[in-house]
Amino acid sequence: MTSYTRRRMLGGAAAVAALGVSRLARAQRDEPRELTRLVAANRILAHEGVVDAFGHVSVRDPRNAERFWLSRSRSPALVEVDDLMEFTLDGTPVDARGRTPYGERVIHAAVYAARGDVQSVVHHHAYSVLPFTITGEPLRPVVHTASVIGAEIPVWDIRTRFGATDMLVRTIEQGRDLVATLADNTCLLIRGHGAVVAGRSIERAVLTAIYLQVNANVLLQALPLGAPVALGEEEIARSAEAQFSPLALDRSWEYFCQRAGVDPG
């Protein structure tokens, strides 16, 4: 290799690196912090096993409450900033640019439309919660870190109103029916399907989704041993307040970001 060729190659690599820095700087300048954290949320939920090839997390646009951001149809572990799409509150993409959205984006749309307090939504199919969607055994908080899931977790069955389907929430009418069952709760289970988590921030939604799975695993281990003792209402309220305090929430977010190898933002 001649010195001229080597200089050309090094110059090309430097140009590519400079382009990457330029794009990163532009993204940091033009895009709200929530989008960077949305990418991190996808990676965290994948790393913690809450989502696999399927499942998704979204965030309400902090600049326009009538819009939300969600990745294109892609496995959460692979989501990048360029995959994020903007949607209206009926699930319509604002600028698809040829990208294919998730079919179940209407879950997110319906939650944001009905719940002004919600800033982030997670939908997942974690296997540990599924037994509680198909039996009469309620999923209730039994450990203090899981107090964030709330005292009541209702179960929604798409068959009740819509009959036999592929069990995916594909229409805004189905999404709105789901949200009617969610009501003002934090979590909801879907029969034979999975769960929905609503949070007042990305960090809260991610933490809640993780500890919903943790709590389900603990319950599954405890049930064969006897009747588990659930947390009381005051215990739930006090423990959740502690878990969502700035000190604890920031600490948890930093920890899960480090495990997933992403920047806390």
Protein backbone atom coordinates (compact mmCIF):
# COMPACT_ATOMS: atom_id res chain seq x y z
CA MET A 1 0.00 0.00 0.00
CA THR A 2 1.44 3.36 -1.02
CA SER A 3 1.63 6.30 1.36
CA TYR A 4 -0.82 8.16 -0.89
CA THR A 5 -3.39 5.35 -0.65
CA ARG A 6 -2.89 5.17 3.11
CA ARG A 7 -3.51 8.91 3.44
CA ARG A 8 -6.65 8.61 1.29
CA MET A 9 -8.00 5.78 3.47
CA LEU A 10 -7.23 7.60 6.70
CA GLY A 11 -8.82 10.74 5.32
CA GLY A 12 -11.94 8.80 4.37
CA ALA A 13 -12.18 7.25 7.83
CA ALA A 14 -11.79 10.67 9.41
CA ALA A 15 -14.55 12.02 7.17
CA VAL A 16 -16.89 9.19 8.21
CA ALA A 17 -16.07 9.77 11.87
CA ALA A 18 -16.68 13.48 11.47
CA LEU A 19 -20.03 12.75 9.82
CA GLY A 20 -20.97 10.53 12.79
CA VAL A 21 -20.06 13.28 15.25
CA SER A 22 -21.96 15.80 13.17
CA ARG A 23 -25.09 13.62 13.13
CA LEU A 24 -24.80 13.00 16.86
CA ALA A 25 -24.39 16.70 17.58
CA ARG A 26 -27.34 17.52 15.35
CA ALA A 27 -29.47 14.84 17.05
CA GLN A 28 -28.56 16.15 20.49
CA ARG A 29 -29.37 19.70 19.42
CA ASP A 30 -32.61 19.08 17.53
CA GLU A 31 -34.19 16.12 19.26
CA PRO A 32 -35.68 16.19 22.75
CA ARG A 33 -33.90 14.30 25.49
CA GLU A 34 -36.85 11.90 25.68
CA LEU A 35 -35.96 10.38 22.29
CA THR A 36 -32.47 9.45 23.46
CA ARG A 37 -34.01 7.96 26.57
CA LEU A 38 -36.59 6.13 24.46
CA VAL A 39 -33.78 4.32 22.65
CA ALA A 40 -32.22 3.51 26.04
CA ALA A 41 -35.58 2.24 27.30
CA ASN A 42 -35.82 -0.20 24.39
CA ARG A 43 -32.34 -1.55 25.11
CA ILE A 44 -32.96 -1.84 28.86
CA LEU A 45 -36.25 -3.72 28.50
CA ALA A 46 -34.60 -6.11 26.04
CA HIS A 47 -31.59 -6.68 28.29
CA GLU A 48 -33.80 -7.36 31.31
CA GLY A 49 -35.86 -9.89 29.37
CA VAL A 50 -39.09 -7.93 29.61
CA VAL A 51 -39.30 -7.83 25.80
CA ASP A 52 -37.73 -10.11 23.21
CA ALA A 53 -38.25 -9.91 19.46
CA PHE A 54 -41.64 -8.42 20.28
CA GLY A 55 -42.93 -5.68 22.57
CA HIS A 56 -42.45 -1.92 22.48
CA VAL A 57 -42.12 1.26 24.52
CA SER A 58 -43.19 4.81 23.62
CA VAL A 59 -43.04 8.36 24.95
CA ARG A 60 -45.40 11.31 24.62
CA ASP A 61 -43.86 14.20 22.70
CA PRO A 62 -42.87 16.80 25.35
CA ARG A 63 -43.40 19.56 22.76
CA ASN A 64 -46.86 18.42 21.63
CA ALA A 65 -49.11 16.40 23.95
CA GLU A 66 -51.18 15.29 20.95
CA ARG A 67 -48.27 13.27 19.54
CA PHE A 68 -46.13 10.37 20.72
CA TRP A 69 -42.93 8.63 19.60
CA LEU A 70 -42.51 4.91 19.01
CA SER A 71 -40.00 2.88 17.01
CA ARG A 72 -40.77 1.45 13.61
CA SER A 73 -41.52 -2.27 13.66
CA ARG A 74 -38.20 -3.57 14.95
CA SER A 75 -36.98 -5.71 17.84
CA PRO A 76 -36.34 -3.44 20.85
CA ALA A 77 -32.72 -4.56 21.29
CA LEU A 78 -31.92 -3.10 17.85
CA VAL A 79 -33.77 0.23 18.03
CA GLU A 80 -31.83 3.37 17.05
CA VAL A 81 -32.84 7.05 16.98
CA ASP A 82 -33.46 6.85 13.23
CA ASP A 83 -36.09 4.14 13.86
CA LEU A 84 -38.28 6.44 15.96
CA MET A 85 -41.54 7.57 14.38
CA GLU A 86 -44.02 10.25 15.42
CA PHE A 87 -47.73 9.39 15.71
CA THR A 88 -51.03 11.16 16.33
CA LEU A 89 -53.35 9.97 19.10
CA ASP A 90 -55.25 7.65 16.75
CA GLY A 91 -52.05 5.84 15.78
CA THR A 92 -51.49 7.54 12.42
CA PRO A 93 -47.82 8.08 11.48
CA VAL A 94 -46.92 11.74 10.97
CA ASP A 95 -44.10 11.04 8.50
CA ALA A 96 -43.65 7.32 7.85
CA ARG A 97 -40.99 7.74 5.13
CA GLY A 98 -41.60 4.18 4.00
CA ARG A 99 -41.07 2.71 7.47
CA THR A 100 -43.43 0.04 8.77
CA PRO A 101 -44.95 0.85 12.19
CA TYR A 102 -45.89 -1.63 14.89
CA GLY A 103 -49.38 -3.02 14.39
CA GLU A 104 -50.22 -2.56 18.07
CA ARG A 105 -49.28 1.13 18.18
CA VAL A 106 -52.98 1.76 18.86
CA ILE A 107 -52.45 0.57 22.42
CA HIS A 108 -50.11 3.50 22.99
CA ALA A 109 -52.35 5.91 21.07
CA ALA A 110 -55.44 5.00 23.09
CA VAL A 111 -53.63 5.29 26.44
CA TYR A 112 -52.23 8.74 25.63
CA ALA A 113 -55.60 9.94 24.34
CA ALA A 114 -57.43 8.86 27.49
CA ARG A 115 -54.79 9.53 30.15
CA GLY A 116 -53.24 13.00 30.21
CA ASP A 117 -51.06 11.95 33.15
CA VAL A 118 -49.27 9.26 31.15
CA GLN A 119 -45.98 10.16 29.47
CA SER A 120 -44.70 6.69 28.58
CA VAL A 121 -46.25 3.32 27.72
CA VAL A 122 -44.75 -0.17 27.62
CA HIS A 123 -46.40 -3.19 26.00
CA HIS A 124 -44.72 -6.55 26.53
CA HIS A 125 -45.30 -10.29 26.61
CA ALA A 126 -43.04 -11.31 29.52
CA TYR A 127 -43.66 -15.00 30.09
CA SER A 128 -43.78 -14.71 33.88
CA VAL A 129 -46.92 -12.54 33.79
CA LEU A 130 -48.82 -14.81 31.40
CA PRO A 131 -50.06 -17.32 34.02
CA PHE A 132 -51.87 -14.46 35.73
CA THR A 133 -53.67 -13.59 32.48
CA ILE A 134 -55.22 -17.04 32.04
CA THR A 135 -56.10 -18.03 35.62
CA GLY A 136 -58.10 -16.52 38.44
CA GLU A 137 -54.94 -15.85 40.44
CA PRO A 138 -54.51 -12.06 40.75
CA LEU A 139 -51.13 -10.44 40.16
CA ARG A 140 -50.70 -8.16 43.16
CA PRO A 141 -47.57 -6.63 44.69
CA VAL A 142 -45.89 -8.81 47.28
CA VAL A 143 -42.39 -7.24 47.44
CA HIS A 144 -41.66 -3.60 48.22
CA THR A 145 -39.75 -2.82 45.00
CA ALA A 146 -42.84 -3.93 43.07
CA SER A 147 -45.13 -1.52 44.90
CA VAL A 148 -44.88 0.63 41.76
CA ILE A 149 -47.16 -1.75 39.87
CA GLY A 150 -50.12 -0.58 41.96
CA ALA A 151 -52.68 -2.30 44.14
CA GLU A 152 -54.97 -3.43 41.31
CA ILE A 153 -54.01 -4.94 37.97
CA PRO A 154 -57.11 -5.67 35.87
CA VAL A 155 -57.22 -8.28 33.10
CA TRP A 156 -58.61 -7.38 29.67
CA ASP A 157 -59.95 -10.02 27.29
CA ILE A 158 -60.25 -8.96 23.65
CA ARG A 159 -62.73 -11.78 23.05
CA THR A 160 -65.34 -10.24 25.36
CA ARG A 161 -66.26 -7.51 22.90
CA PHE A 162 -64.52 -8.44 19.64
CA GLY A 163 -64.94 -12.22 19.51
CA ALA A 164 -62.31 -14.50 18.00
CA THR A 165 -59.31 -12.51 16.71
CA ASP A 166 -55.57 -13.10 16.30
CA MET A 167 -55.42 -11.64 19.85
CA LEU A 168 -53.45 -8.62 18.73
CA VAL A 169 -54.77 -5.11 19.42
CA ARG A 170 -54.92 -3.79 15.87
CA THR A 171 -57.67 -1.16 15.81
CA ILE A 172 -58.16 2.05 17.75
CA GLU A 173 -61.56 0.75 18.89
CA GLN A 174 -59.86 -2.25 20.46
CA GLY A 175 -57.28 0.04 22.02
CA ARG A 176 -59.97 2.24 23.53
CA ASP A 177 -61.77 -0.79 24.94
CA LEU A 178 -58.50 -1.93 26.53
CA VAL A 179 -57.97 1.51 28.07
CA ALA A 180 -61.47 1.45 29.55
CA THR A 181 -60.38 -1.60 31.54
CA LEU A 182 -57.02 -0.06 32.42
CA ALA A 183 -58.93 2.93 33.86
CA ASP A 184 -56.60 4.90 36.16
CA ASN A 185 -54.40 1.91 37.06
CA THR A 186 -50.70 1.64 36.26
CA CYS A 187 -50.69 -1.89 34.82
CA LEU A 188 -53.07 -4.09 32.87
CA LEU A 189 -52.86 -7.72 31.80
CA ILE A 190 -54.17 -9.03 28.48
CA ARG A 191 -55.54 -12.57 28.46
CA GLY A 192 -53.10 -14.98 26.87
CA HIS A 193 -51.06 -12.10 25.52
CA GLY A 194 -49.11 -9.87 27.89
CA ALA A 195 -49.25 -6.58 29.73
CA VAL A 196 -49.48 -2.81 29.37
CA VAL A 197 -47.68 -0.41 31.70
CA ALA A 198 -48.42 3.33 31.90
CA GLY A 199 -45.96 5.72 33.52
CA ARG A 200 -45.56 9.42 34.22
CA SER A 201 -42.06 9.27 32.69
CA ILE A 202 -39.94 6.86 30.65
CA GLU A 203 -37.96 6.02 33.74
CA ARG A 204 -41.08 5.20 35.74
CA ALA A 205 -42.60 3.10 32.96
CA VAL A 206 -39.38 1.10 32.48
CA LEU A 207 -38.89 0.53 36.22
CA THR A 208 -42.52 -0.55 36.60
CA ALA A 209 -42.33 -2.98 33.68
CA ILE A 210 -39.18 -4.55 35.11
CA TYR A 211 -40.61 -4.97 38.61
CA LEU A 212 -43.93 -6.24 37.26
CA GLN A 213 -41.91 -9.14 35.88
CA VAL A 214 -39.88 -9.51 39.10
CA ASN A 215 -43.04 -9.58 41.20
CA ALA A 216 -44.66 -12.16 38.91
CA ASN A 217 -41.61 -14.40 39.27
CA VAL A 218 -41.69 -14.09 43.07
CA LEU A 219 -45.39 -14.92 43.16
CA LEU A 220 -44.90 -17.97 40.94
CA GLN A 221 -42.24 -19.23 43.36
CA ALA A 222 -44.31 -18.42 46.46
CA LEU A 223 -47.67 -19.87 45.43
CA PRO A 224 -46.63 -23.54 45.74
CA LEU A 225 -45.42 -22.81 49.29
CA GLY A 226 -48.67 -21.32 50.54
CA ALA A 227 -50.83 -18.20 50.39
CA PRO A 228 -48.58 -15.18 49.60
CA VAL A 229 -49.06 -12.08 51.74
CA ALA A 230 -49.74 -9.07 49.53
CA LEU A 231 -48.69 -5.53 50.40
CA GLY A 232 -51.34 -3.37 52.04
CA GLU A 233 -52.63 -0.19 50.40
CA GLU A 234 -50.63 2.12 52.67
CA GLU A 235 -47.50 0.01 52.18
CA ILE A 236 -47.97 0.23 48.43
CA ALA A 237 -48.40 4.00 48.52
CA ARG A 238 -45.40 4.61 50.78
CA SER A 239 -43.10 2.15 49.03
CA ALA A 240 -44.01 3.46 45.58
CA GLU A 241 -43.30 7.01 46.73
CA ALA A 242 -39.87 5.88 47.90
CA GLN A 243 -39.16 3.98 44.68
CA PHE A 244 -40.13 6.98 42.56
CA SER A 245 -38.27 9.54 44.65
CA PRO A 246 -35.48 11.29 42.69
CA LEU A 247 -32.77 9.53 44.67
CA ALA A 248 -34.11 6.01 44.07
CA LEU A 249 -35.39 6.54 40.52
CA ASP A 250 -32.16 8.13 39.26
CA ARG A 251 -30.15 5.38 40.91
CA SER A 252 -32.29 2.65 39.32
CA TRP A 253 -32.20 4.27 35.86
CA GLU A 254 -28.42 4.63 35.99
CA TYR A 255 -28.08 0.99 37.09
CA PHE A 256 -30.27 -0.45 34.35
CA CYS A 257 -28.61 1.78 31.72
CA GLN A 258 -25.21 0.50 32.80
CA ARG A 259 -26.39 -3.11 32.55
CA ALA A 260 -27.71 -2.49 29.04
CA GLY A 261 -24.62 -0.54 27.99
CA VAL A 262 -26.46 2.69 27.21
CA ASP A 263 -25.97 6.30 28.28
CA PRO A 264 -28.36 7.38 31.11
CA GLY A 265 -28.87 10.67 29.22
